[in-house]
């Protein structure tokens, strides 16, 4: 993942993120999907063939879409749509 703006830490520029994403989807009612999300972004850079990461990760966390902002709701909807395509393609 590319950072929207490079991050400088200790004089080194990190222009990418390594990420961990956990989404737990559920339904509160048949027409009320909900989700909990934990997204951890770890600043990452390349120095030649070497990969460097910093311990200064950024975490986005929410327990329900009801407390998420519009950007988070759109991101979750896009992830869910991609997973639905996968489920359909695999006949699951």
PDB file of N, CA and C in Angstrom:
ATOM      1  N   UNK A   1       0.862  -1.165   0.000  1.00  0.00           N
ATOM      2  CA  UNK A   1       0.000   0.000   0.000  1.00  0.00           C
ATOM      3  C   UNK A   1       0.910   1.230   0.000  1.00  0.00           C
ATOM      4  N   UNK A   2       0.532   2.216  -0.776  1.00  0.00           N
ATOM      5  CA  UNK A   2       1.305   3.460  -0.813  1.00  0.00           C
ATOM      6  C   UNK A   2       0.706   4.469   0.153  1.00  0.00           C
ATOM      7  N   UNK A   3       1.566   5.143   0.880  1.00  0.00           N
ATOM      8  CA  UNK A   3       1.113   6.200   1.789  1.00  0.00           C
ATOM      9  C   UNK A   3       0.625   7.380   0.957  1.00  0.00           C
ATOM     10  N   UNK A   4      -0.429   8.045   1.394  1.00  0.00           N
ATOM     11  CA  UNK A   4      -0.932   9.215   0.657  1.00  0.00           C
ATOM     12  C   UNK A   4       0.083  10.357   0.699  1.00  0.00           C
ATOM     13  N   UNK A   5       0.884  10.376   1.744  1.00  0.00           N
ATOM     14  CA  UNK A   5       1.989  11.332   1.860  1.00  0.00           C
ATOM     15  C   UNK A   5       3.132  10.598   2.573  1.00  0.00           C
ATOM     16  N   UNK A   6       4.348  10.639   2.012  1.00  0.00           N
ATOM     17  CA  UNK A   6       5.469   9.948   2.666  1.00  0.00           C
ATOM     18  C   UNK A   6       5.646  10.410   4.110  1.00  0.00           C
ATOM     19  N   UNK A   7       6.079   9.485   4.949  1.00  0.00           N
ATOM     20  CA  UNK A   7       6.276   9.747   6.372  1.00  0.00           C
ATOM     21  C   UNK A   7       7.771   9.758   6.642  1.00  0.00           C
ATOM     22  N   UNK A   8       8.252  10.745   7.377  1.00  0.00           N
ATOM     23  CA  UNK A   8       9.668  10.801   7.732  1.00  0.00           C
ATOM     24  C   UNK A   8       9.806  10.497   9.215  1.00  0.00           C
ATOM     25  N   UNK A   9      10.599   9.476   9.521  1.00  0.00           N
ATOM     26  CA  UNK A   9      10.870   9.075  10.901  1.00  0.00           C
ATOM     27  C   UNK A   9      12.378   8.922  11.042  1.00  0.00           C
ATOM     28  N   UNK A  10      12.954   9.624  11.993  1.00  0.00           N
ATOM     29  CA  UNK A  10      14.399   9.590  12.225  1.00  0.00           C
ATOM     30  C   UNK A  10      15.188   9.848  10.946  1.00  0.00           C
ATOM     31  N   UNK A  11      14.707  10.805  10.141  1.00  0.00           N
ATOM     32  CA  UNK A  11      15.401  11.188   8.924  1.00  0.00           C
ATOM     33  C   UNK A  11      15.229  10.235   7.752  1.00  0.00           C
ATOM     34  N   UNK A  12      14.451   9.163   7.917  1.00  0.00           N
ATOM     35  CA  UNK A  12      14.217   8.210   6.836  1.00  0.00           C
ATOM     36  C   UNK A  12      12.790   8.371   6.335  1.00  0.00           C
ATOM     37  N   UNK A  13      12.623   8.294   5.024  1.00  0.00           N
ATOM     38  CA  UNK A  13      11.310   8.466   4.418  1.00  0.00           C
ATOM     39  C   UNK A  13      10.684   7.108   4.130  1.00  0.00           C
ATOM     40  N   UNK A  14       9.481   6.948   4.624  1.00  0.00           N
ATOM     41  CA  UNK A  14       8.699   5.723   4.419  1.00  0.00           C
ATOM     42  C   UNK A  14       7.528   6.091   3.515  1.00  0.00           C
ATOM     43  N   UNK A  15       7.492   5.483   2.319  1.00  0.00           N
ATOM     44  CA  UNK A  15       6.459   5.851   1.359  1.00  0.00           C
ATOM     45  C   UNK A  15       5.415   4.753   1.149  1.00  0.00           C
ATOM     46  N   UNK A  16       5.545   3.662   1.887  1.00  0.00           N
ATOM     47  CA  UNK A  16       4.612   2.547   1.753  1.00  0.00           C
ATOM     48  C   UNK A  16       4.168   2.070   3.133  1.00  0.00           C
ATOM     49  N   UNK A  17       3.101   1.284   3.112  1.00  0.00           N
ATOM     50  CA  UNK A  17       2.634   0.630   4.330  1.00  0.00           C
ATOM     51  C   UNK A  17       2.563  -0.873   4.088  1.00  0.00           C
ATOM     52  N   UNK A  18       3.013  -1.638   5.063  1.00  0.00           N
ATOM     53  CA  UNK A  18       2.634  -3.043   5.157  1.00  0.00           C
ATOM     54  C   UNK A  18       1.377  -3.019   6.007  1.00  0.00           C
ATOM     55  N   UNK A  19       0.455  -3.949   5.772  1.00  0.00           N
ATOM     56  CA  UNK A  19      -0.807  -3.841   6.503  1.00  0.00           C
ATOM     57  C   UNK A  19      -1.291  -5.174   7.029  1.00  0.00           C
ATOM     58  N   UNK A  20      -2.043  -5.079   8.089  1.00  0.00           N
ATOM     59  CA  UNK A  20      -2.801  -6.198   8.636  1.00  0.00           C
ATOM     60  C   UNK A  20      -4.238  -5.710   8.732  1.00  0.00           C
ATOM     61  N   UNK A  21      -5.166  -6.502   8.193  1.00  0.00           N
ATOM     62  CA  UNK A  21      -6.568  -6.119   8.188  1.00  0.00           C
ATOM     63  C   UNK A  21      -7.402  -7.258   8.751  1.00  0.00           C
ATOM     64  N   UNK A  22      -8.227  -6.948   9.734  1.00  0.00           N
ATOM     65  CA  UNK A  22      -9.173  -7.919  10.285  1.00  0.00           C
ATOM     66  C   UNK A  22     -10.558  -7.287  10.234  1.00  0.00           C
ATOM     67  N   UNK A  23     -11.473  -7.962   9.544  1.00  0.00           N
ATOM     68  CA  UNK A  23     -12.854  -7.498   9.450  1.00  0.00           C
ATOM     69  C   UNK A  23     -13.747  -8.613   9.953  1.00  0.00           C
ATOM     70  N   UNK A  24     -14.608  -8.292  10.891  1.00  0.00           N
ATOM     71  CA  UNK A  24     -15.565  -9.256  11.404  1.00  0.00           C
ATOM     72  C   UNK A  24     -16.957  -8.764  11.038  1.00  0.00           C
ATOM     73  N   UNK A  25     -17.561  -9.395  10.018  1.00  0.00           N
ATOM     74  CA  UNK A  25     -18.879  -8.977   9.561  1.00  0.00           C
ATOM     75  C   UNK A  25     -19.982  -9.739  10.285  1.00  0.00           C
ATOM     76  N   UNK A  26     -21.107  -9.079  10.448  1.00  0.00           N
ATOM     77  CA  UNK A  26     -22.251  -9.699  11.112  1.00  0.00           C
ATOM     78  C   UNK A  26     -23.515  -8.962  10.676  1.00  0.00           C
ATOM     79  N   UNK A  27     -24.646  -9.479  11.071  1.00  0.00           N
ATOM     80  CA  UNK A  27     -25.925  -8.832  10.808  1.00  0.00           C
ATOM     81  C   UNK A  27     -26.613  -8.543  12.138  1.00  0.00           C
ATOM     82  N   UNK A  28     -27.096  -7.319  12.292  1.00  0.00           N
ATOM     83  CA  UNK A  28     -27.919  -6.963  13.453  1.00  0.00           C
ATOM     84  C   UNK A  28     -29.375  -7.285  13.173  1.00  0.00           C
ATOM     85  N   UNK A  29     -29.745  -7.312  11.901  1.00  0.00           N
ATOM     86  CA  UNK A  29     -31.076  -7.673  11.394  1.00  0.00           C
ATOM     87  C   UNK A  29     -30.876  -8.012   9.922  1.00  0.00           C
ATOM     88  N   UNK A  30     -31.857  -8.631   9.279  1.00  0.00           N
ATOM     89  CA  UNK A  30     -31.670  -9.018   7.875  1.00  0.00           C
ATOM     90  C   UNK A  30     -31.231  -7.875   6.957  1.00  0.00           C
ATOM     91  N   UNK A  31     -31.660  -6.664   7.235  1.00  0.00           N
ATOM     92  CA  UNK A  31     -31.297  -5.525   6.393  1.00  0.00           C
ATOM     93  C   UNK A  31     -30.304  -4.578   7.074  1.00  0.00           C
ATOM     94  N   UNK A  32     -29.620  -5.063   8.127  1.00  0.00           N
ATOM     95  CA  UNK A  32     -28.671  -4.229   8.859  1.00  0.00           C
ATOM     96  C   UNK A  32     -27.329  -4.931   9.040  1.00  0.00           C
ATOM     97  N   UNK A  33     -26.504  -4.942   7.985  1.00  0.00           N
ATOM     98  CA  UNK A  33     -25.168  -5.505   8.167  1.00  0.00           C
ATOM     99  C   UNK A  33     -24.320  -4.576   9.030  1.00  0.00           C
ATOM    100  N   UNK A  34     -23.371  -5.152   9.719  1.00  0.00           N
ATOM    101  CA  UNK A  34     -22.467  -4.386  10.573  1.00  0.00           C
ATOM    102  C   UNK A  34     -21.094  -5.036  10.489  1.00  0.00           C
ATOM    103  N   UNK A  35     -20.083  -4.370  10.989  1.00  0.00           N
ATOM    104  CA  UNK A  35     -18.735  -4.923  10.968  1.00  0.00           C
ATOM    105  C   UNK A  35     -17.869  -4.251  12.025  1.00  0.00           C
ATOM    106  N   UNK A  36     -16.912  -5.013  12.520  1.00  0.00           N
ATOM    107  CA  UNK A  36     -15.840  -4.493  13.365  1.00  0.00           C
ATOM    108  C   UNK A  36     -14.567  -4.575  12.529  1.00  0.00           C
ATOM    109  N   UNK A  37     -13.716  -3.577  12.642  1.00  0.00           N
ATOM    110  CA  UNK A  37     -12.515  -3.522  11.810  1.00  0.00           C
ATOM    111  C   UNK A  37     -11.313  -3.117  12.644  1.00  0.00           C
ATOM    112  N   UNK A  38     -10.192  -3.806  12.381  1.00  0.00           N
ATOM    113  CA  UNK A  38      -8.888  -3.395  12.901  1.00  0.00           C
ATOM    114  C   UNK A  38      -7.950  -3.352  11.703  1.00  0.00           C
ATOM    115  N   UNK A  39      -7.393  -2.207  11.419  1.00  0.00           N
ATOM    116  CA  UNK A  39      -6.439  -2.012  10.335  1.00  0.00           C
ATOM    117  C   UNK A  39      -5.161  -1.463  10.938  1.00  0.00           C
ATOM    118  N   UNK A  40      -4.065  -2.188  10.767  1.00  0.00           N
ATOM    119  CA  UNK A  40      -2.765  -1.720  11.241  1.00  0.00           C
ATOM    120  C   UNK A  40      -1.878  -1.453  10.036  1.00  0.00           C
ATOM    121  N   UNK A  41      -1.384  -0.235   9.933  1.00  0.00           N
ATOM    122  CA  UNK A  41      -0.499   0.170   8.847  1.00  0.00           C
ATOM    123  C   UNK A  41       0.897   0.389   9.405  1.00  0.00           C
ATOM    124  N   UNK A  42       1.869  -0.343   8.872  1.00  0.00           N
ATOM    125  CA  UNK A  42       3.248  -0.244   9.333  1.00  0.00           C
ATOM    126  C   UNK A  42       4.074   0.467   8.268  1.00  0.00           C
ATOM    127  N   UNK A  43       4.621   1.661   8.582  1.00  0.00           N
ATOM    128  CA  UNK A  43       5.441   2.365   7.604  1.00  0.00           C
ATOM    129  C   UNK A  43       6.597   1.480   7.127  1.00  0.00           C
ATOM    130  N   UNK A  44       6.765   1.437   5.787  1.00  0.00           N
ATOM    131  CA  UNK A  44       7.730   0.544   5.166  1.00  0.00           C
ATOM    132  C   UNK A  44       8.500   1.311   4.089  1.00  0.00           C
ATOM    133  N   UNK A  45       9.788   0.989   3.968  1.00  0.00           N
ATOM    134  CA  UNK A  45      10.603   1.606   2.923  1.00  0.00           C
ATOM    135  C   UNK A  45      11.580   0.579   2.379  1.00  0.00           C
ATOM    136  N   UNK A  46      12.101   0.858   1.201  1.00  0.00           N
ATOM    137  CA  UNK A  46      13.109   0.006   0.586  1.00  0.00           C
ATOM    138  C   UNK A  46      14.420   0.765   0.514  1.00  0.00           C
ATOM    139  N   UNK A  47      15.485   0.110   0.890  1.00  0.00           N
ATOM    140  CA  UNK A  47      16.843   0.641   0.771  1.00  0.00           C
ATOM    141  C   UNK A  47      17.583  -0.382  -0.080  1.00  0.00           C
ATOM    142  N   UNK A  48      17.612  -0.150  -1.405  1.00  0.00           N
ATOM    143  CA  UNK A  48      18.148  -1.159  -2.314  1.00  0.00           C
ATOM    144  C   UNK A  48      17.245  -2.377  -2.289  1.00  0.00           C
ATOM    145  N   UNK A  49      17.822  -3.527  -1.982  1.00  0.00           N
ATOM    146  CA  UNK A  49      17.043  -4.762  -1.881  1.00  0.00           C
ATOM    147  C   UNK A  49      16.527  -5.013  -0.470  1.00  0.00           C
ATOM    148  N   UNK A  50      16.866  -4.142   0.463  1.00  0.00           N
ATOM    149  CA  UNK A  50      16.481  -4.326   1.858  1.00  0.00           C
ATOM    150  C   UNK A  50      15.144  -3.643   2.153  1.00  0.00           C
ATOM    151  N   UNK A  51      14.317  -4.337   2.904  1.00  0.00           N
ATOM    152  CA  UNK A  51      13.037  -3.775   3.350  1.00  0.00           C
ATOM    153  C   UNK A  51      13.213  -3.299   4.785  1.00  0.00           C
ATOM    154  N   UNK A  52      12.828  -2.069   5.043  1.00  0.00           N
ATOM    155  CA  UNK A  52      12.883  -1.532   6.404  1.00  0.00           C
ATOM    156  C   UNK A  52      11.471  -1.167   6.842  1.00  0.00           C
ATOM    157  N   UNK A  53      11.155  -1.546   8.076  1.00  0.00           N
ATOM    158  CA  UNK A  53       9.879  -1.180   8.673  1.00  0.00           C
ATOM    159  C   UNK A  53      10.142  -0.522  10.015  1.00  0.00           C
ATOM    160  N   UNK A  54       9.258   0.336  10.410  1.00  0.00           N
ATOM    161  CA  UNK A  54       9.380   0.989  11.708  1.00  0.00           C
ATOM    162  C   UNK A  54       8.329   0.412  12.654  1.00  0.00           C
ATOM    163  N   UNK A  55       8.596   0.518  13.931  1.00  0.00           N
ATOM    164  CA  UNK A  55       7.653   0.031  14.933  1.00  0.00           C
ATOM    165  C   UNK A  55       6.514   1.022  15.159  1.00  0.00           C
ATOM    166  N   UNK A  56       6.587   2.171  14.506  1.00  0.00           N
ATOM    167  CA  UNK A  56       5.584   3.223  14.703  1.00  0.00           C
ATOM    168  C   UNK A  56       4.379   2.996  13.793  1.00  0.00           C
ATOM    169  N   UNK A  57       3.614   1.959  14.075  1.00  0.00           N
ATOM    170  CA  UNK A  57       2.436   1.615  13.282  1.00  0.00           C
ATOM    171  C   UNK A  57       1.282   2.561  13.577  1.00  0.00           C
ATOM    172  N   UNK A  58       0.367   2.617  12.634  1.00  0.00           N
ATOM    173  CA  UNK A  58      -0.865   3.396  12.791  1.00  0.00           C
ATOM    174  C   UNK A  58      -2.015   2.401  12.769  1.00  0.00           C
ATOM    175  N   UNK A  59      -2.909   2.525  13.717  1.00  0.00           N
ATOM    176  CA  UNK A  59      -4.021   1.586  13.816  1.00  0.00           C
ATOM    177  C   UNK A  59      -5.352   2.318  13.708  1.00  0.00           C
ATOM    178  N   UNK A  60      -6.229   1.766  12.876  1.00  0.00           N
ATOM    179  CA  UNK A  60      -7.605   2.245  12.750  1.00  0.00           C
ATOM    180  C   UNK A  60      -8.475   1.146  13.338  1.00  0.00           C
ATOM    181  N   UNK A  61      -9.338   1.496  14.259  1.00  0.00           N
ATOM    182  CA  UNK A  61     -10.134   0.510  14.975  1.00  0.00           C
ATOM    183  C   UNK A  61     -11.537   1.049  15.202  1.00  0.00           C
ATOM    184  N   UNK A  62     -12.541   0.232  14.876  1.00  0.00           N
ATOM    185  CA  UNK A  62     -13.898   0.548  15.306  1.00  0.00           C
ATOM    186  C   UNK A  62     -14.682  -0.740  15.466  1.00  0.00           C
ATOM    187  N   UNK A  63     -15.582  -0.737  16.428  1.00  0.00           N
ATOM    188  CA  UNK A  63     -16.342  -1.928  16.778  1.00  0.00           C
ATOM    189  C   UNK A  63     -17.668  -2.046  16.068  1.00  0.00           C
ATOM    190  N   UNK A  64     -18.079  -0.995  15.372  1.00  0.00           N
ATOM    191  CA  UNK A  64     -19.354  -1.015  14.672  1.00  0.00           C
ATOM    192  C   UNK A  64     -19.330   0.046  13.575  1.00  0.00           C
ATOM    193  N   UNK A  65     -19.971  -0.251  12.452  1.00  0.00           N
ATOM    194  CA  UNK A  65     -20.076   0.748  11.394  1.00  0.00           C
ATOM    195  C   UNK A  65     -20.836   1.981  11.856  1.00  0.00           C
ATOM    196  N   UNK A  66     -21.658   1.837  12.888  1.00  0.00           N
ATOM    197  CA  UNK A  66     -22.434   2.974  13.376  1.00  0.00           C
ATOM    198  C   UNK A  66     -21.556   4.082  13.946  1.00  0.00           C
ATOM    199  N   UNK A  67     -20.333   3.756  14.346  1.00  0.00           N
ATOM    200  CA  UNK A  67     -19.422   4.775  14.887  1.00  0.00           C
ATOM    201  C   UNK A  67     -18.334   5.157  13.893  1.00  0.00           C
ATOM    202  N   UNK A  68     -18.366   4.544  12.704  1.00  0.00           N
ATOM    203  CA  UNK A  68     -17.351   4.819  11.694  1.00  0.00           C
ATOM    204  C   UNK A  68     -17.717   6.064  10.887  1.00  0.00           C
ATOM    205  N   UNK A  69     -16.695   6.725  10.347  1.00  0.00           N
ATOM    206  CA  UNK A  69     -16.976   7.866   9.478  1.00  0.00           C
ATOM    207  C   UNK A  69     -17.288   7.367   8.065  1.00  0.00           C
ATOM    208  N   UNK A  70     -17.666   8.292   7.197  1.00  0.00           N
ATOM    209  CA  UNK A  70     -18.071   7.914   5.839  1.00  0.00           C
ATOM    210  C   UNK A  70     -16.955   7.201   5.078  1.00  0.00           C
ATOM    211  N   UNK A  71     -15.717   7.675   5.218  1.00  0.00           N
ATOM    212  CA  UNK A  71     -14.601   7.033   4.521  1.00  0.00           C
ATOM    213  C   UNK A  71     -14.439   5.579   4.954  1.00  0.00           C
ATOM    214  N   UNK A  72     -14.587   5.319   6.239  1.00  0.00           N
ATOM    215  CA  UNK A  72     -14.463   3.945   6.753  1.00  0.00           C
ATOM    216  C   UNK A  72     -15.609   3.076   6.251  1.00  0.00           C
ATOM    217  N   UNK A  73     -16.819   3.617   6.236  1.00  0.00           N
ATOM    218  CA  UNK A  73     -17.968   2.839   5.742  1.00  0.00           C
ATOM    219  C   UNK A  73     -17.805   2.476   4.266  1.00  0.00           C
ATOM    220  N   UNK A  74     -17.304   3.408   3.464  1.00  0.00           N
ATOM    221  CA  UNK A  74     -17.069   3.138   2.040  1.00  0.00           C
ATOM    222  C   UNK A  74     -15.990   2.069   1.890  1.00  0.00           C
ATOM    223  N   UNK A  75     -14.908   2.166   2.655  1.00  0.00           N
ATOM    224  CA  UNK A  75     -13.836   1.173   2.571  1.00  0.00           C
ATOM    225  C   UNK A  75     -14.344  -0.221   2.928  1.00  0.00           C
ATOM    226  N   UNK A  76     -15.130  -0.332   3.984  1.00  0.00           N
ATOM    227  CA  UNK A  76     -15.676  -1.629   4.390  1.00  0.00           C
ATOM    228  C   UNK A  76     -16.607  -2.167   3.305  1.00  0.00           C
ATOM    229  N   UNK A  77     -17.436  -1.310   2.734  1.00  0.00           N
ATOM    230  CA  UNK A  77     -18.347  -1.747   1.673  1.00  0.00           C
ATOM    231  C   UNK A  77     -17.566  -2.272   0.471  1.00  0.00           C
ATOM    232  N   UNK A  78     -16.450  -1.635   0.133  1.00  0.00           N
ATOM    233  CA  UNK A  78     -15.639  -2.086  -0.996  1.00  0.00           C
ATOM    234  C   UNK A  78     -14.952  -3.413  -0.695  1.00  0.00           C
ATOM    235  N   UNK A  79     -14.478  -3.590   0.533  1.00  0.00           N
ATOM    236  CA  UNK A  79     -13.883  -4.871   0.924  1.00  0.00           C
ATOM    237  C   UNK A  79     -14.941  -5.968   0.865  1.00  0.00           C
ATOM    238  N   UNK A  80     -16.125  -5.690   1.401  1.00  0.00           N
ATOM    239  CA  UNK A  80     -17.198  -6.686   1.384  1.00  0.00           C
ATOM    240  C   UNK A  80     -17.604  -7.029  -0.048  1.00  0.00           C
ATOM    241  N   UNK A  81     -17.657  -6.044  -0.938  1.00  0.00           N
ATOM    242  CA  UNK A  81     -18.009  -6.300  -2.336  1.00  0.00           C
ATOM    243  C   UNK A  81     -16.953  -7.184  -3.003  1.00  0.00           C
ATOM    244  N   UNK A  82     -15.682  -6.941  -2.711  1.00  0.00           N
ATOM    245  CA  UNK A  82     -14.614  -7.784  -3.263  1.00  0.00           C
ATOM    246  C   UNK A  82     -14.716  -9.207  -2.745  1.00  0.00           C
ATOM    247  N   UNK A  83     -15.017  -9.359  -1.473  1.00  0.00           N
ATOM    248  CA  UNK A  83     -15.170 -10.702  -0.909  1.00  0.00           C
ATOM    249  C   UNK A  83     -16.389 -11.405  -1.482  1.00  0.00           C
ATOM    250  N   UNK A  84     -17.464 -10.662  -1.749  1.00  0.00           N
ATOM    251  CA  UNK A  84     -18.649 -11.262  -2.362  1.00  0.00           C
ATOM    252  C   UNK A  84     -18.311 -11.779  -3.756  1.00  0.00           C
ATOM    253  N   UNK A  85     -17.517 -11.028  -4.514  1.00  0.00           N
ATOM    254  CA  UNK A  85     -17.081 -11.483  -5.840  1.00  0.00           C
ATOM    255  C   UNK A  85     -16.273 -12.777  -5.721  1.00  0.00           C
ATOM    256  N   UNK A  86     -15.402 -12.846  -4.729  1.00  0.00           N
ATOM    257  CA  UNK A  86     -14.608 -14.058  -4.498  1.00  0.00           C
ATOM    258  C   UNK A  86     -15.506 -15.239  -4.164  1.00  0.00           C
ATOM    259  N   UNK A  87     -16.462 -15.036  -3.258  1.00  0.00           N
ATOM    260  CA  UNK A  87     -17.400 -16.088  -2.865  1.00  0.00           C
ATOM    261  C   UNK A  87     -18.166 -16.597  -4.093  1.00  0.00           C
ATOM    262  N   UNK A  88     -18.640 -15.671  -4.914  1.00  0.00           N
ATOM    263  CA  UNK A  88     -19.370 -16.061  -6.127  1.00  0.00           C
ATOM    264  C   UNK A  88     -18.474 -16.821  -7.103  1.00  0.00           C
ATOM    265  N   UNK A  89     -17.240 -16.343  -7.304  1.00  0.00           N
ATOM    266  CA  UNK A  89     -16.328 -16.977  -8.244  1.00  0.00           C
ATOM    267  C   UNK A  89     -15.968 -18.399  -7.813  1.00  0.00           C
ATOM    268  N   UNK A  90     -15.871 -18.615  -6.521  1.00  0.00           N
ATOM    269  CA  UNK A  90     -15.491 -19.944  -5.987  1.00  0.00           C
ATOM    270  C   UNK A  90     -16.705 -20.825  -5.734  1.00  0.00           C
ATOM    271  N   UNK A  91     -17.905 -20.291  -5.926  1.00  0.00           N
ATOM    272  CA  UNK A  91     -19.114 -21.071  -5.696  1.00  0.00           C
ATOM    273  C   UNK A  91     -19.315 -21.448  -4.239  1.00  0.00           C
ATOM    274  N   UNK A  92     -18.918 -20.560  -3.357  1.00  0.00           N
ATOM    275  CA  UNK A  92     -19.046 -20.827  -1.912  1.00  0.00           C
ATOM    276  C   UNK A  92     -20.401 -20.426  -1.385  1.00  0.00           C
TER     277      UNK A  92
END
